[in-house]
């Protein structure tokens, strides 16, 4: 369960709550750690590194599982890096 306003520091009288229910069937929405995935990540990262102003953030971009609080923290960290350059 994730309540986003607490992750982002928002102050509001209303809120959104998201529930995630893992299951064995269906499309995988989380990256599966395996050597082939790491090779794809390395190729994708090289493409992004060759394009200034492009950034990889989140589970599918980095081929790693993160909890939602870690995803939000990663997004804020990258934003801060972008804002410093601007």
PDB file of N, CA and C in Angstrom:
ATOM      1  N   UNK A   1       0.836  -1.164   0.000  1.00  0.00           N
ATOM      2  CA  UNK A   1       0.000   0.000   0.000  1.00  0.00           C
ATOM      3  C   UNK A   1       0.891   1.240   0.000  1.00  0.00           C
ATOM      4  N   UNK A   2       0.544   2.205  -0.836  1.00  0.00           N
ATOM      5  CA  UNK A   2       1.320   3.436  -0.928  1.00  0.00           C
ATOM      6  C   UNK A   2       0.380   4.637  -0.844  1.00  0.00           C
ATOM      7  N   UNK A   3       0.713   5.587   0.000  1.00  0.00           N
ATOM      8  CA  UNK A   3      -0.011   6.852   0.063  1.00  0.00           C
ATOM      9  C   UNK A   3       0.968   7.929  -0.381  1.00  0.00           C
ATOM     10  N   UNK A   4       0.806   8.378  -1.618  1.00  0.00           N
ATOM     11  CA  UNK A   4       1.816   9.184  -2.285  1.00  0.00           C
ATOM     12  C   UNK A   4       2.094  10.529  -1.633  1.00  0.00           C
ATOM     13  N   UNK A   5       1.111  11.143  -1.009  1.00  0.00           N
ATOM     14  CA  UNK A   5       1.377  12.473  -0.445  1.00  0.00           C
ATOM     15  C   UNK A   5       2.438  12.417   0.648  1.00  0.00           C
ATOM     16  N   UNK A   6       2.569  11.276   1.310  1.00  0.00           N
ATOM     17  CA  UNK A   6       3.601  11.155   2.340  1.00  0.00           C
ATOM     18  C   UNK A   6       4.977  10.903   1.719  1.00  0.00           C
ATOM     19  N   UNK A   7       5.002  10.283   0.556  1.00  0.00           N
ATOM     20  CA  UNK A   7       6.278  10.081  -0.139  1.00  0.00           C
ATOM     21  C   UNK A   7       6.839  11.396  -0.671  1.00  0.00           C
ATOM     22  N   UNK A   8       5.933  12.256  -1.131  1.00  0.00           N
ATOM     23  CA  UNK A   8       6.370  13.474  -1.805  1.00  0.00           C
ATOM     24  C   UNK A   8       6.358  14.701  -0.903  1.00  0.00           C
ATOM     25  N   UNK A   9       5.834  14.559   0.329  1.00  0.00           N
ATOM     26  CA  UNK A   9       5.804  15.688   1.250  1.00  0.00           C
ATOM     27  C   UNK A   9       4.671  16.661   1.004  1.00  0.00           C
ATOM     28  N   UNK A  10       3.672  16.248   0.218  1.00  0.00           N
ATOM     29  CA  UNK A  10       2.538  17.130  -0.054  1.00  0.00           C
ATOM     30  C   UNK A  10       1.658  17.269   1.187  1.00  0.00           C
ATOM     31  N   UNK A  11       1.047  18.421   1.313  1.00  0.00           N
ATOM     32  CA  UNK A  11       0.087  18.641   2.388  1.00  0.00           C
ATOM     33  C   UNK A  11      -1.257  18.939   1.760  1.00  0.00           C
ATOM     34  N   UNK A  12      -2.221  18.069   2.028  1.00  0.00           N
ATOM     35  CA  UNK A  12      -3.544  18.214   1.435  1.00  0.00           C
ATOM     36  C   UNK A  12      -4.540  17.466   2.299  1.00  0.00           C
ATOM     37  N   UNK A  13      -5.780  17.933   2.333  1.00  0.00           N
ATOM     38  CA  UNK A  13      -6.792  17.276   3.154  1.00  0.00           C
ATOM     39  C   UNK A  13      -7.276  15.960   2.565  1.00  0.00           C
ATOM     40  N   UNK A  14      -7.056  15.752   1.283  1.00  0.00           N
ATOM     41  CA  UNK A  14      -7.466  14.508   0.616  1.00  0.00           C
ATOM     42  C   UNK A  14      -6.223  13.708   0.258  1.00  0.00           C
ATOM     43  N   UNK A  15      -6.432  12.473  -0.195  1.00  0.00           N
ATOM     44  CA  UNK A  15      -5.281  11.625  -0.482  1.00  0.00           C
ATOM     45  C   UNK A  15      -5.626  10.570  -1.531  1.00  0.00           C
ATOM     46  N   UNK A  16      -4.606   9.922  -2.037  1.00  0.00           N
ATOM     47  CA  UNK A  16      -4.734   8.757  -2.912  1.00  0.00           C
ATOM     48  C   UNK A  16      -3.970   7.621  -2.274  1.00  0.00           C
ATOM     49  N   UNK A  17      -4.572   6.463  -2.272  1.00  0.00           N
ATOM     50  CA  UNK A  17      -3.903   5.275  -1.751  1.00  0.00           C
ATOM     51  C   UNK A  17      -3.921   4.227  -2.855  1.00  0.00           C
ATOM     52  N   UNK A  18      -2.784   3.595  -3.085  1.00  0.00           N
ATOM     53  CA  UNK A  18      -2.666   2.555  -4.107  1.00  0.00           C
ATOM     54  C   UNK A  18      -2.273   1.260  -3.430  1.00  0.00           C
ATOM     55  N   UNK A  19      -2.953   0.189  -3.821  1.00  0.00           N
ATOM     56  CA  UNK A  19      -2.632  -1.141  -3.326  1.00  0.00           C
ATOM     57  C   UNK A  19      -2.045  -1.955  -4.472  1.00  0.00           C
ATOM     58  N   UNK A  20      -0.992  -2.692  -4.214  1.00  0.00           N
ATOM     59  CA  UNK A  20      -0.405  -3.595  -5.201  1.00  0.00           C
ATOM     60  C   UNK A  20      -0.595  -5.017  -4.693  1.00  0.00           C
ATOM     61  N   UNK A  21      -1.041  -5.890  -5.589  1.00  0.00           N
ATOM     62  CA  UNK A  21      -1.253  -7.283  -5.233  1.00  0.00           C
ATOM     63  C   UNK A  21      -0.433  -8.165  -6.171  1.00  0.00           C
ATOM     64  N   UNK A  22       0.683  -8.692  -5.712  1.00  0.00           N
ATOM     65  CA  UNK A  22       1.503  -9.542  -6.578  1.00  0.00           C
ATOM     66  C   UNK A  22       0.778 -10.841  -6.909  1.00  0.00           C
ATOM     67  N   UNK A  23       1.045 -11.365  -8.100  1.00  0.00           N
ATOM     68  CA  UNK A  23       0.473 -12.647  -8.487  1.00  0.00           C
ATOM     69  C   UNK A  23       1.408 -13.341  -9.458  1.00  0.00           C
ATOM     70  N   UNK A  24       1.272 -14.623  -9.564  1.00  0.00           N
ATOM     71  CA  UNK A  24       2.164 -15.425 -10.401  1.00  0.00           C
ATOM     72  C   UNK A  24       1.765 -15.396 -11.872  1.00  0.00           C
ATOM     73  N   UNK A  25       0.499 -15.126 -12.182  1.00  0.00           N
ATOM     74  CA  UNK A  25       0.035 -15.154 -13.571  1.00  0.00           C
ATOM     75  C   UNK A  25       0.045 -13.748 -14.176  1.00  0.00           C
ATOM     76  N   UNK A  26      -0.061 -13.693 -15.496  1.00  0.00           N
ATOM     77  CA  UNK A  26      -0.172 -12.410 -16.171  1.00  0.00           C
ATOM     78  C   UNK A  26       1.168 -11.858 -16.608  1.00  0.00           C
ATOM     79  N   UNK A  27       1.130 -10.634 -17.113  1.00  0.00           N
ATOM     80  CA  UNK A  27       2.336  -9.977 -17.600  1.00  0.00           C
ATOM     81  C   UNK A  27       3.216  -9.541 -16.422  1.00  0.00           C
ATOM     82  N   UNK A  28       4.526  -9.757 -16.520  1.00  0.00           N
ATOM     83  CA  UNK A  28       5.411  -9.298 -15.444  1.00  0.00           C
ATOM     84  C   UNK A  28       5.603  -7.781 -15.537  1.00  0.00           C
ATOM     85  N   UNK A  29       5.338  -7.090 -14.457  1.00  0.00           N
ATOM     86  CA  UNK A  29       5.503  -5.641 -14.438  1.00  0.00           C
ATOM     87  C   UNK A  29       6.756  -5.220 -13.696  1.00  0.00           C
ATOM     88  N   UNK A  30       7.463  -6.180 -13.156  1.00  0.00           N
ATOM     89  CA  UNK A  30       8.696  -5.888 -12.454  1.00  0.00           C
ATOM     90  C   UNK A  30       9.834  -6.568 -13.191  1.00  0.00           C
ATOM     91  N   UNK A  31      10.993  -5.951 -13.231  1.00  0.00           N
ATOM     92  CA  UNK A  31      12.126  -6.569 -13.907  1.00  0.00           C
ATOM     93  C   UNK A  31      12.567  -7.847 -13.188  1.00  0.00           C
ATOM     94  N   UNK A  32      12.947  -8.818 -13.977  1.00  0.00           N
ATOM     95  CA  UNK A  32      13.434 -10.085 -13.432  1.00  0.00           C
ATOM     96  C   UNK A  32      14.956 -10.050 -13.507  1.00  0.00           C
ATOM     97  N   UNK A  33      15.636 -10.134 -12.351  1.00  0.00           N
ATOM     98  CA  UNK A  33      17.106 -10.073 -12.389  1.00  0.00           C
ATOM     99  C   UNK A  33      17.712 -11.332 -13.004  1.00  0.00           C
ATOM    100  N   UNK A  34      18.311 -11.169 -14.152  1.00  0.00           N
ATOM    101  CA  UNK A  34      19.004 -12.273 -14.818  1.00  0.00           C
ATOM    102  C   UNK A  34      20.053 -11.670 -15.748  1.00  0.00           C
ATOM    103  N   UNK A  35      21.037 -12.444 -16.125  1.00  0.00           N
ATOM    104  CA  UNK A  35      22.126 -11.896 -16.953  1.00  0.00           C
ATOM    105  C   UNK A  35      21.650 -11.217 -18.236  1.00  0.00           C
ATOM    106  N   UNK A  36      20.649 -11.785 -18.896  1.00  0.00           N
ATOM    107  CA  UNK A  36      20.160 -11.185 -20.146  1.00  0.00           C
ATOM    108  C   UNK A  36      19.604  -9.779 -19.893  1.00  0.00           C
ATOM    109  N   UNK A  37      18.924  -9.599 -18.773  1.00  0.00           N
ATOM    110  CA  UNK A  37      18.377  -8.281 -18.438  1.00  0.00           C
ATOM    111  C   UNK A  37      19.492  -7.275 -18.216  1.00  0.00           C
ATOM    112  N   UNK A  38      20.560  -7.690 -17.570  1.00  0.00           N
ATOM    113  CA  UNK A  38      21.680  -6.786 -17.320  1.00  0.00           C
ATOM    114  C   UNK A  38      22.357  -6.362 -18.618  1.00  0.00           C
ATOM    115  N   UNK A  39      22.433  -7.268 -19.570  1.00  0.00           N
ATOM    116  CA  UNK A  39      23.021  -6.922 -20.870  1.00  0.00           C
ATOM    117  C   UNK A  39      22.145  -5.903 -21.597  1.00  0.00           C
ATOM    118  N   UNK A  40      20.836  -6.091 -21.551  1.00  0.00           N
ATOM    119  CA  UNK A  40      19.918  -5.130 -22.175  1.00  0.00           C
ATOM    120  C   UNK A  40      20.050  -3.773 -21.491  1.00  0.00           C
ATOM    121  N   UNK A  41      20.125  -3.794 -20.158  1.00  0.00           N
ATOM    122  CA  UNK A  41      20.289  -2.544 -19.415  1.00  0.00           C
ATOM    123  C   UNK A  41      21.559  -1.818 -19.849  1.00  0.00           C
ATOM    124  N   UNK A  42      22.659  -2.533 -19.959  1.00  0.00           N
ATOM    125  CA  UNK A  42      23.923  -1.908 -20.356  1.00  0.00           C
ATOM    126  C   UNK A  42      23.809  -1.259 -21.737  1.00  0.00           C
ATOM    127  N   UNK A  43      23.149  -1.943 -22.663  1.00  0.00           N
ATOM    128  CA  UNK A  43      22.962  -1.385 -24.006  1.00  0.00           C
ATOM    129  C   UNK A  43      22.087  -0.129 -23.958  1.00  0.00           C
ATOM    130  N   UNK A  44      20.972  -0.214 -23.221  1.00  0.00           N
ATOM    131  CA  UNK A  44      20.071   0.933 -23.103  1.00  0.00           C
ATOM    132  C   UNK A  44      20.760   2.105 -22.411  1.00  0.00           C
ATOM    133  N   UNK A  45      21.522   1.821 -21.376  1.00  0.00           N
ATOM    134  CA  UNK A  45      22.227   2.875 -20.631  1.00  0.00           C
ATOM    135  C   UNK A  45      23.230   3.584 -21.535  1.00  0.00           C
ATOM    136  N   UNK A  46      23.922   2.834 -22.376  1.00  0.00           N
ATOM    137  CA  UNK A  46      24.874   3.441 -23.309  1.00  0.00           C
ATOM    138  C   UNK A  46      24.160   4.393 -24.267  1.00  0.00           C
ATOM    139  N   UNK A  47      22.974   4.011 -24.721  1.00  0.00           N
ATOM    140  CA  UNK A  47      22.204   4.889 -25.608  1.00  0.00           C
ATOM    141  C   UNK A  47      21.790   6.175 -24.882  1.00  0.00           C
ATOM    142  N   UNK A  48      21.341   6.034 -23.644  1.00  0.00           N
ATOM    143  CA  UNK A  48      20.921   7.205 -22.870  1.00  0.00           C
ATOM    144  C   UNK A  48      22.113   8.096 -22.561  1.00  0.00           C
ATOM    145  N   UNK A  49      23.230   7.501 -22.189  1.00  0.00           N
ATOM    146  CA  UNK A  49      24.425   8.289 -21.883  1.00  0.00           C
ATOM    147  C   UNK A  49      24.914   9.074 -23.097  1.00  0.00           C
ATOM    148  N   UNK A  50      24.633   8.577 -24.288  1.00  0.00           N
ATOM    149  CA  UNK A  50      25.049   9.256 -25.512  1.00  0.00           C
ATOM    150  C   UNK A  50      24.127  10.425 -25.867  1.00  0.00           C
ATOM    151  N   UNK A  51      23.014  10.543 -25.159  1.00  0.00           N
ATOM    152  CA  UNK A  51      22.047  11.619 -25.429  1.00  0.00           C
ATOM    153  C   UNK A  51      21.946  12.540 -24.221  1.00  0.00           C
ATOM    154  N   UNK A  52      22.646  13.642 -24.196  1.00  0.00           N
ATOM    155  CA  UNK A  52      22.543  14.565 -23.067  1.00  0.00           C
ATOM    156  C   UNK A  52      21.084  14.983 -22.851  1.00  0.00           C
ATOM    157  N   UNK A  53      20.701  15.066 -21.585  1.00  0.00           N
ATOM    158  CA  UNK A  53      19.334  15.461 -21.263  1.00  0.00           C
ATOM    159  C   UNK A  53      18.376  14.291 -21.157  1.00  0.00           C
ATOM    160  N   UNK A  54      18.872  13.070 -21.313  1.00  0.00           N
ATOM    161  CA  UNK A  54      18.044  11.875 -21.154  1.00  0.00           C
ATOM    162  C   UNK A  54      18.418  11.192 -19.844  1.00  0.00           C
ATOM    163  N   UNK A  55      17.411  10.664 -19.162  1.00  0.00           N
ATOM    164  CA  UNK A  55      17.650  10.063 -17.850  1.00  0.00           C
ATOM    165  C   UNK A  55      16.853   8.778 -17.710  1.00  0.00           C
ATOM    166  N   UNK A  56      17.411   7.814 -17.011  1.00  0.00           N
ATOM    167  CA  UNK A  56      16.743   6.561 -16.672  1.00  0.00           C
ATOM    168  C   UNK A  56      16.320   6.637 -15.216  1.00  0.00           C
ATOM    169  N   UNK A  57      15.042   6.435 -14.945  1.00  0.00           N
ATOM    170  CA  UNK A  57      14.546   6.470 -13.575  1.00  0.00           C
ATOM    171  C   UNK A  57      13.489   5.379 -13.404  1.00  0.00           C
ATOM    172  N   UNK A  58      13.577   4.654 -12.308  1.00  0.00           N
ATOM    173  CA  UNK A  58      12.532   3.695 -11.974  1.00  0.00           C
ATOM    174  C   UNK A  58      12.890   2.255 -12.259  1.00  0.00           C
ATOM    175  N   UNK A  59      11.927   1.398 -11.965  1.00  0.00           N
ATOM    176  CA  UNK A  59      12.124  -0.044 -12.044  1.00  0.00           C
ATOM    177  C   UNK A  59      12.481  -0.529 -13.442  1.00  0.00           C
ATOM    178  N   UNK A  60      11.637  -0.199 -14.387  1.00  0.00           N
ATOM    179  CA  UNK A  60      11.847  -0.736 -15.730  1.00  0.00           C
ATOM    180  C   UNK A  60      13.018  -0.068 -16.439  1.00  0.00           C
ATOM    181  N   UNK A  61      13.315   1.162 -16.090  1.00  0.00           N
ATOM    182  CA  UNK A  61      14.437   1.852 -16.717  1.00  0.00           C
ATOM    183  C   UNK A  61      15.775   1.281 -16.273  1.00  0.00           C
ATOM    184  N   UNK A  62      15.859   0.886 -15.009  1.00  0.00           N
ATOM    185  CA  UNK A  62      17.132   0.414 -14.470  1.00  0.00           C
ATOM    186  C   UNK A  62      17.200  -1.106 -14.315  1.00  0.00           C
ATOM    187  N   UNK A  63      16.133  -1.795 -14.700  1.00  0.00           N
ATOM    188  CA  UNK A  63      16.081  -3.257 -14.613  1.00  0.00           C
ATOM    189  C   UNK A  63      16.348  -3.756 -13.194  1.00  0.00           C
ATOM    190  N   UNK A  64      15.809  -3.022 -12.205  1.00  0.00           N
ATOM    191  CA  UNK A  64      15.945  -3.413 -10.801  1.00  0.00           C
ATOM    192  C   UNK A  64      14.606  -3.224 -10.118  1.00  0.00           C
ATOM    193  N   UNK A  65      14.348  -4.033  -9.105  1.00  0.00           N
ATOM    194  CA  UNK A  65      13.132  -3.843  -8.327  1.00  0.00           C
ATOM    195  C   UNK A  65      13.394  -2.795  -7.248  1.00  0.00           C
ATOM    196  N   UNK A  66      12.488  -1.841  -7.143  1.00  0.00           N
ATOM    197  CA  UNK A  66      12.530  -0.844  -6.083  1.00  0.00           C
ATOM    198  C   UNK A  66      11.151  -0.782  -5.444  1.00  0.00           C
ATOM    199  N   UNK A  67      11.092  -0.524  -4.154  1.00  0.00           N
ATOM    200  CA  UNK A  67       9.830  -0.185  -3.518  1.00  0.00           C
ATOM    201  C   UNK A  67       9.426   1.205  -3.999  1.00  0.00           C
ATOM    202  N   UNK A  68       8.153   1.553  -3.869  1.00  0.00           N
ATOM    203  CA  UNK A  68       7.684   2.841  -4.375  1.00  0.00           C
ATOM    204  C   UNK A  68       8.400   4.017  -3.727  1.00  0.00           C
ATOM    205  N   UNK A  69       8.693   3.937  -2.429  1.00  0.00           N
ATOM    206  CA  UNK A  69       9.396   5.050  -1.799  1.00  0.00           C
ATOM    207  C   UNK A  69      10.779   5.229  -2.410  1.00  0.00           C
ATOM    208  N   UNK A  70      11.414   4.128  -2.801  1.00  0.00           N
ATOM    209  CA  UNK A  70      12.718   4.212  -3.448  1.00  0.00           C
ATOM    210  C   UNK A  70      12.594   4.807  -4.847  1.00  0.00           C
ATOM    211  N   UNK A  71      11.525   4.468  -5.575  1.00  0.00           N
ATOM    212  CA  UNK A  71      11.303   5.042  -6.910  1.00  0.00           C
ATOM    213  C   UNK A  71      11.116   6.549  -6.830  1.00  0.00           C
ATOM    214  N   UNK A  72      10.301   6.993  -5.873  1.00  0.00           N
ATOM    215  CA  UNK A  72      10.060   8.426  -5.717  1.00  0.00           C
ATOM    216  C   UNK A  72      11.349   9.133  -5.316  1.00  0.00           C
ATOM    217  N   UNK A  73      12.094   8.537  -4.396  1.00  0.00           N
ATOM    218  CA  UNK A  73      13.366   9.134  -3.975  1.00  0.00           C
ATOM    219  C   UNK A  73      14.333   9.235  -5.151  1.00  0.00           C
ATOM    220  N   UNK A  74      14.396   8.193  -5.965  1.00  0.00           N
ATOM    221  CA  UNK A  74      15.266   8.215  -7.137  1.00  0.00           C
ATOM    222  C   UNK A  74      14.840   9.330  -8.102  1.00  0.00           C
ATOM    223  N   UNK A  75      13.536   9.487  -8.316  1.00  0.00           N
ATOM    224  CA  UNK A  75      13.041  10.529  -9.214  1.00  0.00           C
ATOM    225  C   UNK A  75      13.397  11.913  -8.683  1.00  0.00           C
ATOM    226  N   UNK A  76      13.231  12.128  -7.374  1.00  0.00           N
ATOM    227  CA  UNK A  76      13.597  13.418  -6.790  1.00  0.00           C
ATOM    228  C   UNK A  76      15.094  13.683  -6.902  1.00  0.00           C
ATOM    229  N   UNK A  77      15.901  12.661  -6.699  1.00  0.00           N
ATOM    230  CA  UNK A  77      17.357  12.825  -6.797  1.00  0.00           C
ATOM    231  C   UNK A  77      17.766  13.217  -8.217  1.00  0.00           C
ATOM    232  N   UNK A  78      17.179  12.556  -9.202  1.00  0.00           N
ATOM    233  CA  UNK A  78      17.504  12.882 -10.589  1.00  0.00           C
ATOM    234  C   UNK A  78      17.013  14.291 -10.918  1.00  0.00           C
ATOM    235  N   UNK A  79      15.827  14.644 -10.427  1.00  0.00           N
ATOM    236  CA  UNK A  79      15.327  15.991 -10.654  1.00  0.00           C
ATOM    237  C   UNK A  79      16.290  17.041 -10.091  1.00  0.00           C
ATOM    238  N   UNK A  80      16.788  16.800  -8.885  1.00  0.00           N
ATOM    239  CA  UNK A  80      17.737  17.738  -8.275  1.00  0.00           C
ATOM    240  C   UNK A  80      18.995  17.884  -9.130  1.00  0.00           C
ATOM    241  N   UNK A  81      19.474  16.764  -9.692  1.00  0.00           N
ATOM    242  CA  UNK A  81      20.640  16.823 -10.575  1.00  0.00           C
ATOM    243  C   UNK A  81      20.337  17.656 -11.813  1.00  0.00           C
ATOM    244  N   UNK A  82      19.127  17.487 -12.360  1.00  0.00           N
ATOM    245  CA  UNK A  82      18.733  18.243 -13.552  1.00  0.00           C
ATOM    246  C   UNK A  82      18.606  19.725 -13.208  1.00  0.00           C
ATOM    247  N   UNK A  83      17.993  20.023 -12.067  1.00  0.00           N
ATOM    248  CA  UNK A  83      17.765  21.423 -11.672  1.00  0.00           C
ATOM    249  C   UNK A  83      19.084  22.150 -11.426  1.00  0.00           C
ATOM    250  N   UNK A  84      20.070  21.456 -10.891  1.00  0.00           N
ATOM    251  CA  UNK A  84      21.379  22.072 -10.626  1.00  0.00           C
ATOM    252  C   UNK A  84      22.047  22.464 -11.946  1.00  0.00           C
ATOM    253  N   UNK A  85      21.876  21.634 -12.971  1.00  0.00           N
ATOM    254  CA  UNK A  85      22.491  21.905 -14.277  1.00  0.00           C
ATOM    255  C   UNK A  85      21.826  23.056 -14.999  1.00  0.00           C
ATOM    256  N   UNK A  86      20.555  23.290 -14.672  1.00  0.00           N
ATOM    257  CA  UNK A  86      19.772  24.318 -15.411  1.00  0.00           C
ATOM    258  C   UNK A  86      20.166  25.718 -15.043  1.00  0.00           C
TER     259      UNK A  86
END
